Amino acid sequence: CTMFSPHVVPRIPLYEWIVHTFSRSGMLEQPLVARTEGAPYGLPET
């Protein structure tokens, strides 16, 4: 869990794992990474 720290380069799949696993009682069903309106370099929507 120390990977969720401001002192390291964040690893997106770990952050998305938190979103997919703990957003609801089941698993969140949607693509892991989606390109975002207004964010041309592709900040993950999730």
ModelCIF file with pLDDT and N, C-alpha, C, O atoms, coordinates in Angstrom:
data_MODEL
#
_entry.id   MODEL 
#
_entity.id                         1 
_entity.type                       polymer 
_entity.pdbx_number_of_molecules   1 
#
_entity_poly.entity_id                      1 
_entity_poly.type                           'polypeptide(L)' 
_entity_poly.nstd_linkage                   no 
_entity_poly.nstd_monomer                   no 
_entity_poly.pdbx_seq_one_letter_code       CTMFSPHVVPRIPLYEWIVHTFSRSGMLEQPLVARTEGAPYGLPET 
_entity_poly.pdbx_seq_one_letter_code_can   CTMFSPHVVPRIPLYEWIVHTFSRSGMLEQPLVARTEGAPYGLPET 
_entity_poly.pdbx_strand_id                 A 
#
loop_
_entity_poly_seq.entity_id 
_entity_poly_seq.num 
_entity_poly_seq.mon_id 
_entity_poly_seq.hetero 
1 1  CYS n 
1 2  THR n 
1 3  MET n 
1 4  PHE n 
1 5  SER n 
1 6  PRO n 
1 7  HIS n 
1 8  VAL n 
1 9  VAL n 
1 10 PRO n 
1 11 ARG n 
1 12 ILE n 
1 13 PRO n 
1 14 LEU n 
1 15 TYR n 
1 16 GLU n 
1 17 TRP n 
1 18 ILE n 
1 19 VAL n 
1 20 HIS n 
1 21 THR n 
1 22 PHE n 
1 23 SER n 
1 24 ARG n 
1 25 SER n 
1 26 GLY n 
1 27 MET n 
1 28 LEU n 
1 29 GLU n 
1 30 GLN n 
1 31 PRO n 
1 32 LEU n 
1 33 VAL n 
1 34 ALA n 
1 35 ARG n 
1 36 THR n 
1 37 GLU n 
1 38 GLY n 
1 39 ALA n 
1 40 PRO n 
1 41 TYR n 
1 42 GLY n 
1 43 LEU n 
1 44 PRO n 
1 45 GLU n 
1 46 THR n 
#
_struct_asym.id          A 
_struct_asym.entity_id   1 
#
loop_
_ma_qa_metric.id 
_ma_qa_metric.mode 
_ma_qa_metric.name 
_ma_qa_metric.software_group_id 
_ma_qa_metric.type 
1 global pLDDT . pLDDT 
2 local  pLDDT . pLDDT 
#
_ma_qa_metric_global.metric_id      1 
_ma_qa_metric_global.metric_value   68.39 
_ma_qa_metric_global.model_id       1 
_ma_qa_metric_global.ordinal_id     1 
#
loop_
_ma_qa_metric_local.label_asym_id 
_ma_qa_metric_local.label_comp_id 
_ma_qa_metric_local.label_seq_id 
_ma_qa_metric_local.metric_id 
_ma_qa_metric_local.metric_value 
_ma_qa_metric_local.model_id 
_ma_qa_metric_local.ordinal_id 
A CYS 1  2 80.00 1 1  
A THR 2  2 76.00 1 2  
A MET 3  2 74.00 1 3  
A PHE 4  2 68.00 1 4  
A SER 5  2 67.00 1 5  
A PRO 6  2 64.00 1 6  
A HIS 7  2 69.00 1 7  
A VAL 8  2 78.00 1 8  
A VAL 9  2 88.00 1 9  
A PRO 10 2 85.00 1 10 
A ARG 11 2 88.00 1 11 
A ILE 12 2 85.00 1 12 
A PRO 13 2 87.00 1 13 
A LEU 14 2 86.00 1 14 
A TYR 15 2 80.00 1 15 
A GLU 16 2 80.00 1 16 
A TRP 17 2 86.00 1 17 
A ILE 18 2 83.00 1 18 
A VAL 19 2 78.00 1 19 
A HIS 20 2 81.00 1 20 
A THR 21 2 88.00 1 21 
A PHE 22 2 85.00 1 22 
A SER 23 2 81.00 1 23 
A ARG 24 2 85.00 1 24 
A SER 25 2 91.00 1 25 
A GLY 26 2 90.00 1 26 
A MET 27 2 87.00 1 27 
A LEU 28 2 75.00 1 28 
A GLU 29 2 66.00 1 29 
A GLN 30 2 58.00 1 30 
A PRO 31 2 48.00 1 31 
A LEU 32 2 46.00 1 32 
A VAL 33 2 47.00 1 33 
A ALA 34 2 45.00 1 34 
A ARG 35 2 45.00 1 35 
A THR 36 2 46.00 1 36 
A GLU 37 2 46.00 1 37 
A GLY 38 2 46.00 1 38 
A ALA 39 2 47.00 1 39 
A PRO 40 2 41.00 1 40 
A TYR 41 2 46.00 1 41 
A GLY 42 2 47.00 1 42 
A LEU 43 2 47.00 1 43 
A PRO 44 2 52.00 1 44 
A GLU 45 2 55.00 1 45 
A THR 46 2 53.00 1 46 
#
loop_
_atom_site.group_PDB 
_atom_site.id 
_atom_site.type_symbol 
_atom_site.label_atom_id 
_atom_site.label_alt_id 
_atom_site.label_comp_id 
_atom_site.label_asym_id 
_atom_site.label_entity_id 
_atom_site.label_seq_id 
_atom_site.pdbx_PDB_ins_code 
_atom_site.Cartn_x 
_atom_site.Cartn_y 
_atom_site.Cartn_z 
_atom_site.occupancy 
_atom_site.B_iso_or_equiv 
_atom_site.pdbx_formal_charge 
_atom_site.auth_seq_id 
_atom_site.auth_comp_id 
_atom_site.auth_asym_id 
_atom_site.auth_atom_id 
_atom_site.pdbx_PDB_model_num 
ATOM 1   N N  . CYS A 1 1  ? 0.817   -1.210 0.000   1.00 80.00 ? 1  CYS A N  1 
ATOM 2   C CA . CYS A 1 1  ? 0.000   0.000  0.000   1.00 80.00 ? 1  CYS A CA 1 
ATOM 3   C C  . CYS A 1 1  ? 0.852   1.260  0.000   1.00 80.00 ? 1  CYS A C  1 
ATOM 4   O O  . CYS A 1 1  ? 0.326   2.339  -0.276  1.00 80.00 ? 1  CYS A O  1 
ATOM 5   N N  . THR A 1 2  ? 2.149   1.170  0.299   1.00 76.00 ? 2  THR A N  1 
ATOM 6   C CA . THR A 1 2  ? 3.006   2.351  0.237   1.00 76.00 ? 2  THR A CA 1 
ATOM 7   C C  . THR A 1 2  ? 3.231   2.815  -1.189  1.00 76.00 ? 2  THR A C  1 
ATOM 8   O O  . THR A 1 2  ? 3.798   3.886  -1.404  1.00 76.00 ? 2  THR A O  1 
ATOM 9   N N  . MET A 1 3  ? 2.795   2.026  -2.178  1.00 74.00 ? 3  MET A N  1 
ATOM 10  C CA . MET A 1 3  ? 2.858   2.496  -3.560  1.00 74.00 ? 3  MET A CA 1 
ATOM 11  C C  . MET A 1 3  ? 1.909   3.666  -3.776  1.00 74.00 ? 3  MET A C  1 
ATOM 12  O O  . MET A 1 3  ? 2.080   4.447  -4.713  1.00 74.00 ? 3  MET A O  1 
ATOM 13  N N  . PHE A 1 4  ? 0.906   3.786  -2.905  1.00 68.00 ? 4  PHE A N  1 
ATOM 14  C CA . PHE A 1 4  ? 0.017   4.934  -2.965  1.00 68.00 ? 4  PHE A CA 1 
ATOM 15  C C  . PHE A 1 4  ? 0.645   6.044  -2.134  1.00 68.00 ? 4  PHE A C  1 
ATOM 16  O O  . PHE A 1 4  ? 0.182   6.370  -1.041  1.00 68.00 ? 4  PHE A O  1 
ATOM 17  N N  . SER A 1 5  ? 1.693   6.604  -2.673  1.00 67.00 ? 5  SER A N  1 
ATOM 18  C CA . SER A 1 5  ? 2.526   7.552  -1.942  1.00 67.00 ? 5  SER A CA 1 
ATOM 19  C C  . SER A 1 5  ? 2.937   8.672  -2.881  1.00 67.00 ? 5  SER A C  1 
ATOM 20  O O  . SER A 1 5  ? 3.168   8.428  -4.066  1.00 67.00 ? 5  SER A O  1 
ATOM 21  N N  . PRO A 1 6  ? 3.033   9.902  -2.372  1.00 64.00 ? 6  PRO A N  1 
ATOM 22  C CA . PRO A 1 6  ? 3.483   11.014 -3.218  1.00 64.00 ? 6  PRO A CA 1 
ATOM 23  C C  . PRO A 1 6  ? 4.974   10.978 -3.502  1.00 64.00 ? 6  PRO A C  1 
ATOM 24  O O  . PRO A 1 6  ? 5.479   11.816 -4.249  1.00 64.00 ? 6  PRO A O  1 
ATOM 25  N N  . HIS A 1 7  ? 5.692   10.017 -2.918  1.00 69.00 ? 7  HIS A N  1 
ATOM 26  C CA . HIS A 1 7  ? 7.147   10.012 -3.034  1.00 69.00 ? 7  HIS A CA 1 
ATOM 27  C C  . HIS A 1 7  ? 7.664   9.076  -4.127  1.00 69.00 ? 7  HIS A C  1 
ATOM 28  O O  . HIS A 1 7  ? 8.875   8.984  -4.330  1.00 69.00 ? 7  HIS A O  1 
ATOM 29  N N  . VAL A 1 8  ? 6.780   8.385  -4.826  1.00 78.00 ? 8  VAL A N  1 
ATOM 30  C CA . VAL A 1 8  ? 7.199   7.478  -5.881  1.00 78.00 ? 8  VAL A CA 1 
ATOM 31  C C  . VAL A 1 8  ? 6.452   7.818  -7.163  1.00 78.00 ? 8  VAL A C  1 
ATOM 32  O O  . VAL A 1 8  ? 5.429   8.502  -7.132  1.00 78.00 ? 8  VAL A O  1 
ATOM 33  N N  . VAL A 1 9  ? 6.971   7.337  -8.294  1.00 88.00 ? 9  VAL A N  1 
ATOM 34  C CA . VAL A 1 9  ? 6.246   7.496  -9.554  1.00 88.00 ? 9  VAL A CA 1 
ATOM 35  C C  . VAL A 1 9  ? 5.037   6.566  -9.494  1.00 88.00 ? 9  VAL A C  1 
ATOM 36  O O  . VAL A 1 9  ? 5.208   5.352  -9.382  1.00 88.00 ? 9  VAL A O  1 
ATOM 37  N N  . PRO A 1 10 ? 3.822   7.102  -9.565  1.00 85.00 ? 10 PRO A N  1 
ATOM 38  C CA . PRO A 1 10 ? 2.634   6.243  -9.414  1.00 85.00 ? 10 PRO A CA 1 
ATOM 39  C C  . PRO A 1 10 ? 2.542   5.220  -10.543 1.00 85.00 ? 10 PRO A C  1 
ATOM 40  O O  . PRO A 1 10 ? 2.860   5.518  -11.694 1.00 85.00 ? 10 PRO A O  1 
ATOM 41  N N  . ARG A 1 11 ? 2.110   4.036  -10.201 1.00 88.00 ? 11 ARG A N  1 
ATOM 42  C CA . ARG A 1 11 ? 1.909   2.977  -11.185 1.00 88.00 ? 11 ARG A CA 1 
ATOM 43  C C  . ARG A 1 11 ? 0.405   2.894  -11.456 1.00 88.00 ? 11 ARG A C  1 
ATOM 44  O O  . ARG A 1 11 ? -0.356  2.435  -10.604 1.00 88.00 ? 11 ARG A O  1 
ATOM 45  N N  . ILE A 1 12 ? -0.018  3.333  -12.631 1.00 85.00 ? 12 ILE A N  1 
ATOM 46  C CA . ILE A 1 12 ? -1.442  3.470  -12.935 1.00 85.00 ? 12 ILE A CA 1 
ATOM 47  C C  . ILE A 1 12 ? -2.222  2.181  -12.686 1.00 85.00 ? 12 ILE A C  1 
ATOM 48  O O  . ILE A 1 12 ? -3.302  2.250  -12.098 1.00 85.00 ? 12 ILE A O  1 
ATOM 49  N N  . PRO A 1 13 ? -1.732  1.001  -13.104 1.00 87.00 ? 13 PRO A N  1 
ATOM 50  C CA . PRO A 1 13 ? -2.547  -0.202 -12.872 1.00 87.00 ? 13 PRO A CA 1 
ATOM 51  C C  . PRO A 1 13 ? -2.904  -0.435 -11.412 1.00 87.00 ? 13 PRO A C  1 
ATOM 52  O O  . PRO A 1 13 ? -3.969  -0.986 -11.131 1.00 87.00 ? 13 PRO A O  1 
ATOM 53  N N  . LEU A 1 14 ? -2.046  -0.031 -10.466 1.00 86.00 ? 14 LEU A N  1 
ATOM 54  C CA . LEU A 1 14 ? -2.382  -0.192 -9.052  1.00 86.00 ? 14 LEU A CA 1 
ATOM 55  C C  . LEU A 1 14 ? -3.506  0.752  -8.640  1.00 86.00 ? 14 LEU A C  1 
ATOM 56  O O  . LEU A 1 14 ? -4.394  0.369  -7.879  1.00 86.00 ? 14 LEU A O  1 
ATOM 57  N N  . TYR A 1 15 ? -3.468  1.979  -9.140  1.00 80.00 ? 15 TYR A N  1 
ATOM 58  C CA . TYR A 1 15 ? -4.530  2.924  -8.829  1.00 80.00 ? 15 TYR A CA 1 
ATOM 59  C C  . TYR A 1 15 ? -5.845  2.458  -9.451  1.00 80.00 ? 15 TYR A C  1 
ATOM 60  O O  . TYR A 1 15 ? -6.903  2.551  -8.829  1.00 80.00 ? 15 TYR A O  1 
ATOM 61  N N  . GLU A 1 16 ? -5.770  1.967  -10.659 1.00 80.00 ? 16 GLU A N  1 
ATOM 62  C CA . GLU A 1 16 ? -6.993  1.480  -11.307 1.00 80.00 ? 16 GLU A CA 1 
ATOM 63  C C  . GLU A 1 16 ? -7.509  0.221  -10.613 1.00 80.00 ? 16 GLU A C  1 
ATOM 64  O O  . GLU A 1 16 ? -8.718  -0.007 -10.553 1.00 80.00 ? 16 GLU A O  1 
ATOM 65  N N  . TRP A 1 17 ? -6.601  -0.589 -10.096 1.00 86.00 ? 17 TRP A N  1 
ATOM 66  C CA . TRP A 1 17 ? -7.039  -1.757 -9.332  1.00 86.00 ? 17 TRP A CA 1 
ATOM 67  C C  . TRP A 1 17 ? -7.874  -1.323 -8.123  1.00 86.00 ? 17 TRP A C  1 
ATOM 68  O O  . TRP A 1 17 ? -8.905  -1.930 -7.834  1.00 86.00 ? 17 TRP A O  1 
ATOM 69  N N  . ILE A 1 18 ? -7.437  -0.285 -7.424  1.00 83.00 ? 18 ILE A N  1 
ATOM 70  C CA . ILE A 1 18 ? -8.234  0.224  -6.303  1.00 83.00 ? 18 ILE A CA 1 
ATOM 71  C C  . ILE A 1 18 ? -9.615  0.643  -6.778  1.00 83.00 ? 18 ILE A C  1 
ATOM 72  O O  . ILE A 1 18 ? -10.618 0.327  -6.138  1.00 83.00 ? 18 ILE A O  1 
ATOM 73  N N  . VAL A 1 19 ? -9.671  1.358  -7.907  1.00 78.00 ? 19 VAL A N  1 
ATOM 74  C CA . VAL A 1 19 ? -10.944 1.837  -8.449  1.00 78.00 ? 19 VAL A CA 1 
ATOM 75  C C  . VAL A 1 19 ? -11.847 0.663  -8.798  1.00 78.00 ? 19 VAL A C  1 
ATOM 76  O O  . VAL A 1 19 ? -13.013 0.640  -8.405  1.00 78.00 ? 19 VAL A O  1 
ATOM 77  N N  . HIS A 1 20 ? -11.322 -0.308 -9.529  1.00 81.00 ? 20 HIS A N  1 
ATOM 78  C CA . HIS A 1 20 ? -12.118 -1.442 -9.984  1.00 81.00 ? 20 HIS A CA 1 
ATOM 79  C C  . HIS A 1 20 ? -12.574 -2.331 -8.836  1.00 81.00 ? 20 HIS A C  1 
ATOM 80  O O  . HIS A 1 20 ? -13.651 -2.924 -8.894  1.00 81.00 ? 20 HIS A O  1 
ATOM 81  N N  . THR A 1 21 ? -11.759 -2.422 -7.797  1.00 88.00 ? 21 THR A N  1 
ATOM 82  C CA . THR A 1 21 ? -12.044 -3.374 -6.726  1.00 88.00 ? 21 THR A CA 1 
ATOM 83  C C  . THR A 1 21 ? -12.900 -2.774 -5.618  1.00 88.00 ? 21 THR A C  1 
ATOM 84  O O  . THR A 1 21 ? -13.759 -3.459 -5.063  1.00 88.00 ? 21 THR A O  1 
ATOM 85  N N  . PHE A 1 22 ? -12.678 -1.516 -5.294  1.00 85.00 ? 22 PHE A N  1 
ATOM 86  C CA . PHE A 1 22 ? -13.312 -0.970 -4.092  1.00 85.00 ? 22 PHE A CA 1 
ATOM 87  C C  . PHE A 1 22 ? -14.315 0.149  -4.371  1.00 85.00 ? 22 PHE A C  1 
ATOM 88  O O  . PHE A 1 22 ? -14.755 0.818  -3.436  1.00 85.00 ? 22 PHE A O  1 
ATOM 89  N N  . SER A 1 23 ? -14.685 0.368  -5.629  1.00 81.00 ? 23 SER A N  1 
ATOM 90  C CA . SER A 1 23 ? -15.700 1.370  -5.937  1.00 81.00 ? 23 SER A CA 1 
ATOM 91  C C  . SER A 1 23 ? -17.101 0.877  -5.621  1.00 81.00 ? 23 SER A C  1 
ATOM 92  O O  . SER A 1 23 ? -18.003 1.680  -5.382  1.00 81.00 ? 23 SER A O  1 
ATOM 93  N N  . ARG A 1 24 ? -17.291 -0.437 -5.618  1.00 85.00 ? 24 ARG A N  1 
ATOM 94  C CA . ARG A 1 24 ? -18.613 -1.016 -5.397  1.00 85.00 ? 24 ARG A CA 1 
ATOM 95  C C  . ARG A 1 24 ? -18.445 -2.401 -4.799  1.00 85.00 ? 24 ARG A C  1 
ATOM 96  O O  . ARG A 1 24 ? -17.325 -2.891 -4.655  1.00 85.00 ? 24 ARG A O  1 
ATOM 97  N N  . SER A 1 25 ? -19.578 -3.044 -4.444  1.00 91.00 ? 25 SER A N  1 
ATOM 98  C CA . SER A 1 25 ? -19.472 -4.358 -3.814  1.00 91.00 ? 25 SER A CA 1 
ATOM 99  C C  . SER A 1 25 ? -18.938 -5.404 -4.778  1.00 91.00 ? 25 SER A C  1 
ATOM 100 O O  . SER A 1 25 ? -18.165 -6.277 -4.384  1.00 91.00 ? 25 SER A O  1 
ATOM 101 N N  . GLY A 1 26 ? -19.349 -5.320 -6.049  1.00 90.00 ? 26 GLY A N  1 
ATOM 102 C CA . GLY A 1 26 ? -18.758 -6.167 -7.072  1.00 90.00 ? 26 GLY A CA 1 
ATOM 103 C C  . GLY A 1 26 ? -17.581 -5.465 -7.704  1.00 90.00 ? 26 GLY A C  1 
ATOM 104 O O  . GLY A 1 26 ? -17.120 -4.441 -7.200  1.00 90.00 ? 26 GLY A O  1 
ATOM 105 N N  . MET A 1 27 ? -17.086 -6.009 -8.810  1.00 87.00 ? 27 MET A N  1 
ATOM 106 C CA . MET A 1 27 ? -16.000 -5.349 -9.522  1.00 87.00 ? 27 MET A CA 1 
ATOM 107 C C  . MET A 1 27 ? -16.586 -4.355 -10.513 1.00 87.00 ? 27 MET A C  1 
ATOM 108 O O  . MET A 1 27 ? -17.626 -4.616 -11.118 1.00 87.00 ? 27 MET A O  1 
ATOM 109 N N  . LEU A 1 28 ? -15.927 -3.224 -10.681 1.00 75.00 ? 28 LEU A N  1 
ATOM 110 C CA . LEU A 1 28 ? -16.365 -2.207 -11.625 1.00 75.00 ? 28 LEU A CA 1 
ATOM 111 C C  . LEU A 1 28 ? -16.102 -2.695 -13.039 1.00 75.00 ? 28 LEU A C  1 
ATOM 112 O O  . LEU A 1 28 ? -14.977 -3.072 -13.368 1.00 75.00 ? 28 LEU A O  1 
ATOM 113 N N  . GLU A 1 29 ? -17.123 -2.692 -13.871 1.00 66.00 ? 29 GLU A N  1 
ATOM 114 C CA . GLU A 1 29 ? -16.991 -3.195 -15.237 1.00 66.00 ? 29 GLU A CA 1 
ATOM 115 C C  . GLU A 1 29 ? -16.817 -2.038 -16.208 1.00 66.00 ? 29 GLU A C  1 
ATOM 116 O O  . GLU A 1 29 ? -17.786 -1.352 -16.533 1.00 66.00 ? 29 GLU A O  1 
ATOM 117 N N  . GLN A 1 30 ? -15.600 -1.815 -16.672 1.00 58.00 ? 30 GLN A N  1 
ATOM 118 C CA . GLN A 1 30 ? -15.310 -0.847 -17.716 1.00 58.00 ? 30 GLN A CA 1 
ATOM 119 C C  . GLN A 1 30 ? -13.844 -1.001 -18.095 1.00 58.00 ? 30 GLN A C  1 
ATOM 120 O O  . GLN A 1 30 ? -13.077 -1.621 -17.359 1.00 58.00 ? 30 GLN A O  1 
ATOM 121 N N  . PRO A 1 31 ? -13.445 -0.443 -19.238 1.00 48.00 ? 31 PRO A N  1 
ATOM 122 C CA . PRO A 1 31 ? -12.040 -0.590 -19.647 1.00 48.00 ? 31 PRO A CA 1 
ATOM 123 C C  . PRO A 1 31 ? -11.097 -0.012 -18.599 1.00 48.00 ? 31 PRO A C  1 
ATOM 124 O O  . PRO A 1 31 ? -11.417 0.955  -17.908 1.00 48.00 ? 31 PRO A O  1 
ATOM 125 N N  . LEU A 1 32 ? -9.928  -0.633 -18.502 1.00 46.00 ? 32 LEU A N  1 
ATOM 126 C CA . LEU A 1 32 ? -8.956  -0.169 -17.525 1.00 46.00 ? 32 LEU A CA 1 
ATOM 127 C C  . LEU A 1 32 ? -8.497  1.246  -17.793 1.00 46.00 ? 32 LEU A C  1 
ATOM 128 O O  . LEU A 1 32 ? -8.358  2.032  -16.856 1.00 46.00 ? 32 LEU A O  1 
ATOM 129 N N  . VAL A 1 33 ? -8.256  1.595  -19.048 1.00 47.00 ? 33 VAL A N  1 
ATOM 130 C CA . VAL A 1 33 ? -7.758  2.921  -19.383 1.00 47.00 ? 33 VAL A CA 1 
ATOM 131 C C  . VAL A 1 33 ? -8.582  3.472  -20.528 1.00 47.00 ? 33 VAL A C  1 
ATOM 132 O O  . VAL A 1 33 ? -8.737  2.811  -21.555 1.00 47.00 ? 33 VAL A O  1 
ATOM 133 N N  . ALA A 1 34 ? -9.110  4.669  -20.366 1.00 45.00 ? 34 ALA A N  1 
ATOM 134 C CA . ALA A 1 34 ? -9.846  5.334  -21.437 1.00 45.00 ? 34 ALA A CA 1 
ATOM 135 C C  . ALA A 1 34 ? -9.238  6.709  -21.648 1.00 45.00 ? 34 ALA A C  1 
ATOM 136 O O  . ALA A 1 34 ? -8.872  7.381  -20.683 1.00 45.00 ? 34 ALA A O  1 
ATOM 137 N N  . ARG A 1 35 ? -9.128  7.126  -22.879 1.00 45.00 ? 35 ARG A N  1 
ATOM 138 C CA . ARG A 1 35 ? -8.626  8.470  -23.149 1.00 45.00 ? 35 ARG A CA 1 
ATOM 139 C C  . ARG A 1 35 ? -9.716  9.471  -22.809 1.00 45.00 ? 35 ARG A C  1 
ATOM 140 O O  . ARG A 1 35 ? -10.899 9.203  -23.018 1.00 45.00 ? 35 ARG A O  1 
ATOM 141 N N  . THR A 1 36 ? -9.325  10.611 -22.292 1.00 46.00 ? 36 THR A N  1 
ATOM 142 C CA . THR A 1 36 ? -10.245 11.555 -21.672 1.00 46.00 ? 36 THR A CA 1 
ATOM 143 C C  . THR A 1 36 ? -10.408 12.796 -22.527 1.00 46.00 ? 36 THR A C  1 
ATOM 144 O O  . THR A 1 36 ? -9.438  13.312 -23.083 1.00 46.00 ? 36 THR A O  1 
ATOM 145 N N  . GLU A 1 37 ? -11.640 13.274 -22.628 1.00 46.00 ? 37 GLU A N  1 
ATOM 146 C CA . GLU A 1 37 ? -11.899 14.543 -23.321 1.00 46.00 ? 37 GLU A CA 1 
ATOM 147 C C  . GLU A 1 37 ? -11.042 15.643 -22.704 1.00 46.00 ? 37 GLU A C  1 
ATOM 148 O O  . GLU A 1 37 ? -11.016 15.810 -21.485 1.00 46.00 ? 37 GLU A O  1 
ATOM 149 N N  . GLY A 1 38 ? -10.345 16.386 -23.548 1.00 46.00 ? 38 GLY A N  1 
ATOM 150 C CA . GLY A 1 38 ? -9.555  17.502 -23.046 1.00 46.00 ? 38 GLY A CA 1 
ATOM 151 C C  . GLY A 1 38 ? -8.217  17.102 -22.468 1.00 46.00 ? 38 GLY A C  1 
ATOM 152 O O  . GLY A 1 38 ? -7.466  17.960 -22.004 1.00 46.00 ? 38 GLY A O  1 
ATOM 153 N N  . ALA A 1 39 ? -7.902  15.821 -22.483 1.00 47.00 ? 39 ALA A N  1 
ATOM 154 C CA . ALA A 1 39 ? -6.596  15.374 -21.980 1.00 47.00 ? 39 ALA A CA 1 
ATOM 155 C C  . ALA A 1 39 ? -5.934  14.574 -23.089 1.00 47.00 ? 39 ALA A C  1 
ATOM 156 O O  . ALA A 1 39 ? -5.983  13.344 -23.064 1.00 47.00 ? 39 ALA A O  1 
ATOM 157 N N  . PRO A 1 40 ? -5.314  15.237 -24.065 1.00 41.00 ? 40 PRO A N  1 
ATOM 158 C CA . PRO A 1 40 ? -4.814  14.547 -25.249 1.00 41.00 ? 40 PRO A CA 1 
ATOM 159 C C  . PRO A 1 40 ? -3.753  13.503 -24.957 1.00 41.00 ? 40 PRO A C  1 
ATOM 160 O O  . PRO A 1 40 ? -3.552  12.598 -25.767 1.00 41.00 ? 40 PRO A O  1 
ATOM 161 N N  . TYR A 1 41 ? -3.072  13.598 -23.834 1.00 46.00 ? 41 TYR A N  1 
ATOM 162 C CA . TYR A 1 41 ? -2.063  12.598 -23.518 1.00 46.00 ? 41 TYR A CA 1 
ATOM 163 C C  . TYR A 1 41 ? -2.646  11.426 -22.770 1.00 46.00 ? 41 TYR A C  1 
ATOM 164 O O  . TYR A 1 41 ? -1.907  10.535 -22.350 1.00 46.00 ? 41 TYR A O  1 
ATOM 165 N N  . GLY A 1 42 ? -3.975  11.401 -22.588 1.00 47.00 ? 42 GLY A N  1 
ATOM 166 C CA . GLY A 1 42 ? -4.643  10.175 -22.159 1.00 47.00 ? 42 GLY A CA 1 
ATOM 167 C C  . GLY A 1 42 ? -4.687  9.910  -20.674 1.00 47.00 ? 42 GLY A C  1 
ATOM 168 O O  . GLY A 1 42 ? -4.430  8.782  -20.254 1.00 47.00 ? 42 GLY A O  1 
ATOM 169 N N  . LEU A 1 43 ? -5.003  10.905 -19.857 1.00 47.00 ? 43 LEU A N  1 
ATOM 170 C CA . LEU A 1 43 ? -5.177  10.636 -18.434 1.00 47.00 ? 43 LEU A CA 1 
ATOM 171 C C  . LEU A 1 43 ? -6.309  9.642  -18.251 1.00 47.00 ? 43 LEU A C  1 
ATOM 172 O O  . LEU A 1 43 ? -7.371  9.823  -18.847 1.00 47.00 ? 43 LEU A O  1 
ATOM 173 N N  . PRO A 1 44 ? -6.128  8.599  -17.454 1.00 52.00 ? 44 PRO A N  1 
ATOM 174 C CA . PRO A 1 44 ? -7.156  7.562  -17.332 1.00 52.00 ? 44 PRO A CA 1 
ATOM 175 C C  . PRO A 1 44 ? -8.460  8.097  -16.753 1.00 52.00 ? 44 PRO A C  1 
ATOM 176 O O  . PRO A 1 44 ? -8.471  8.715  -15.688 1.00 52.00 ? 44 PRO A O  1 
ATOM 177 N N  . GLU A 1 45 ? -9.547  7.855  -17.455 1.00 55.00 ? 45 GLU A N  1 
ATOM 178 C CA . GLU A 1 45 ? -10.860 8.295  -16.997 1.00 55.00 ? 45 GLU A CA 1 
ATOM 179 C C  . GLU A 1 45 ? -11.204 7.664  -15.651 1.00 55.00 ? 45 GLU A C  1 
ATOM 180 O O  . GLU A 1 45 ? -11.786 8.319  -14.786 1.00 55.00 ? 45 GLU A O  1 
ATOM 181 N N  . THR A 1 46 ? -10.847 6.401  -15.476 1.00 53.00 ? 46 THR A N  1 
ATOM 182 C CA . THR A 1 46 ? -11.182 5.721  -14.216 1.00 53.00 ? 46 THR A CA 1 
ATOM 183 C C  . THR A 1 46 ? -10.495 6.373  -13.029 1.00 53.00 ? 46 THR A C  1 
ATOM 184 O O  . THR A 1 46 ? -10.667 5.928  -11.895 1.00 53.00 ? 46 THR A O  1 
#
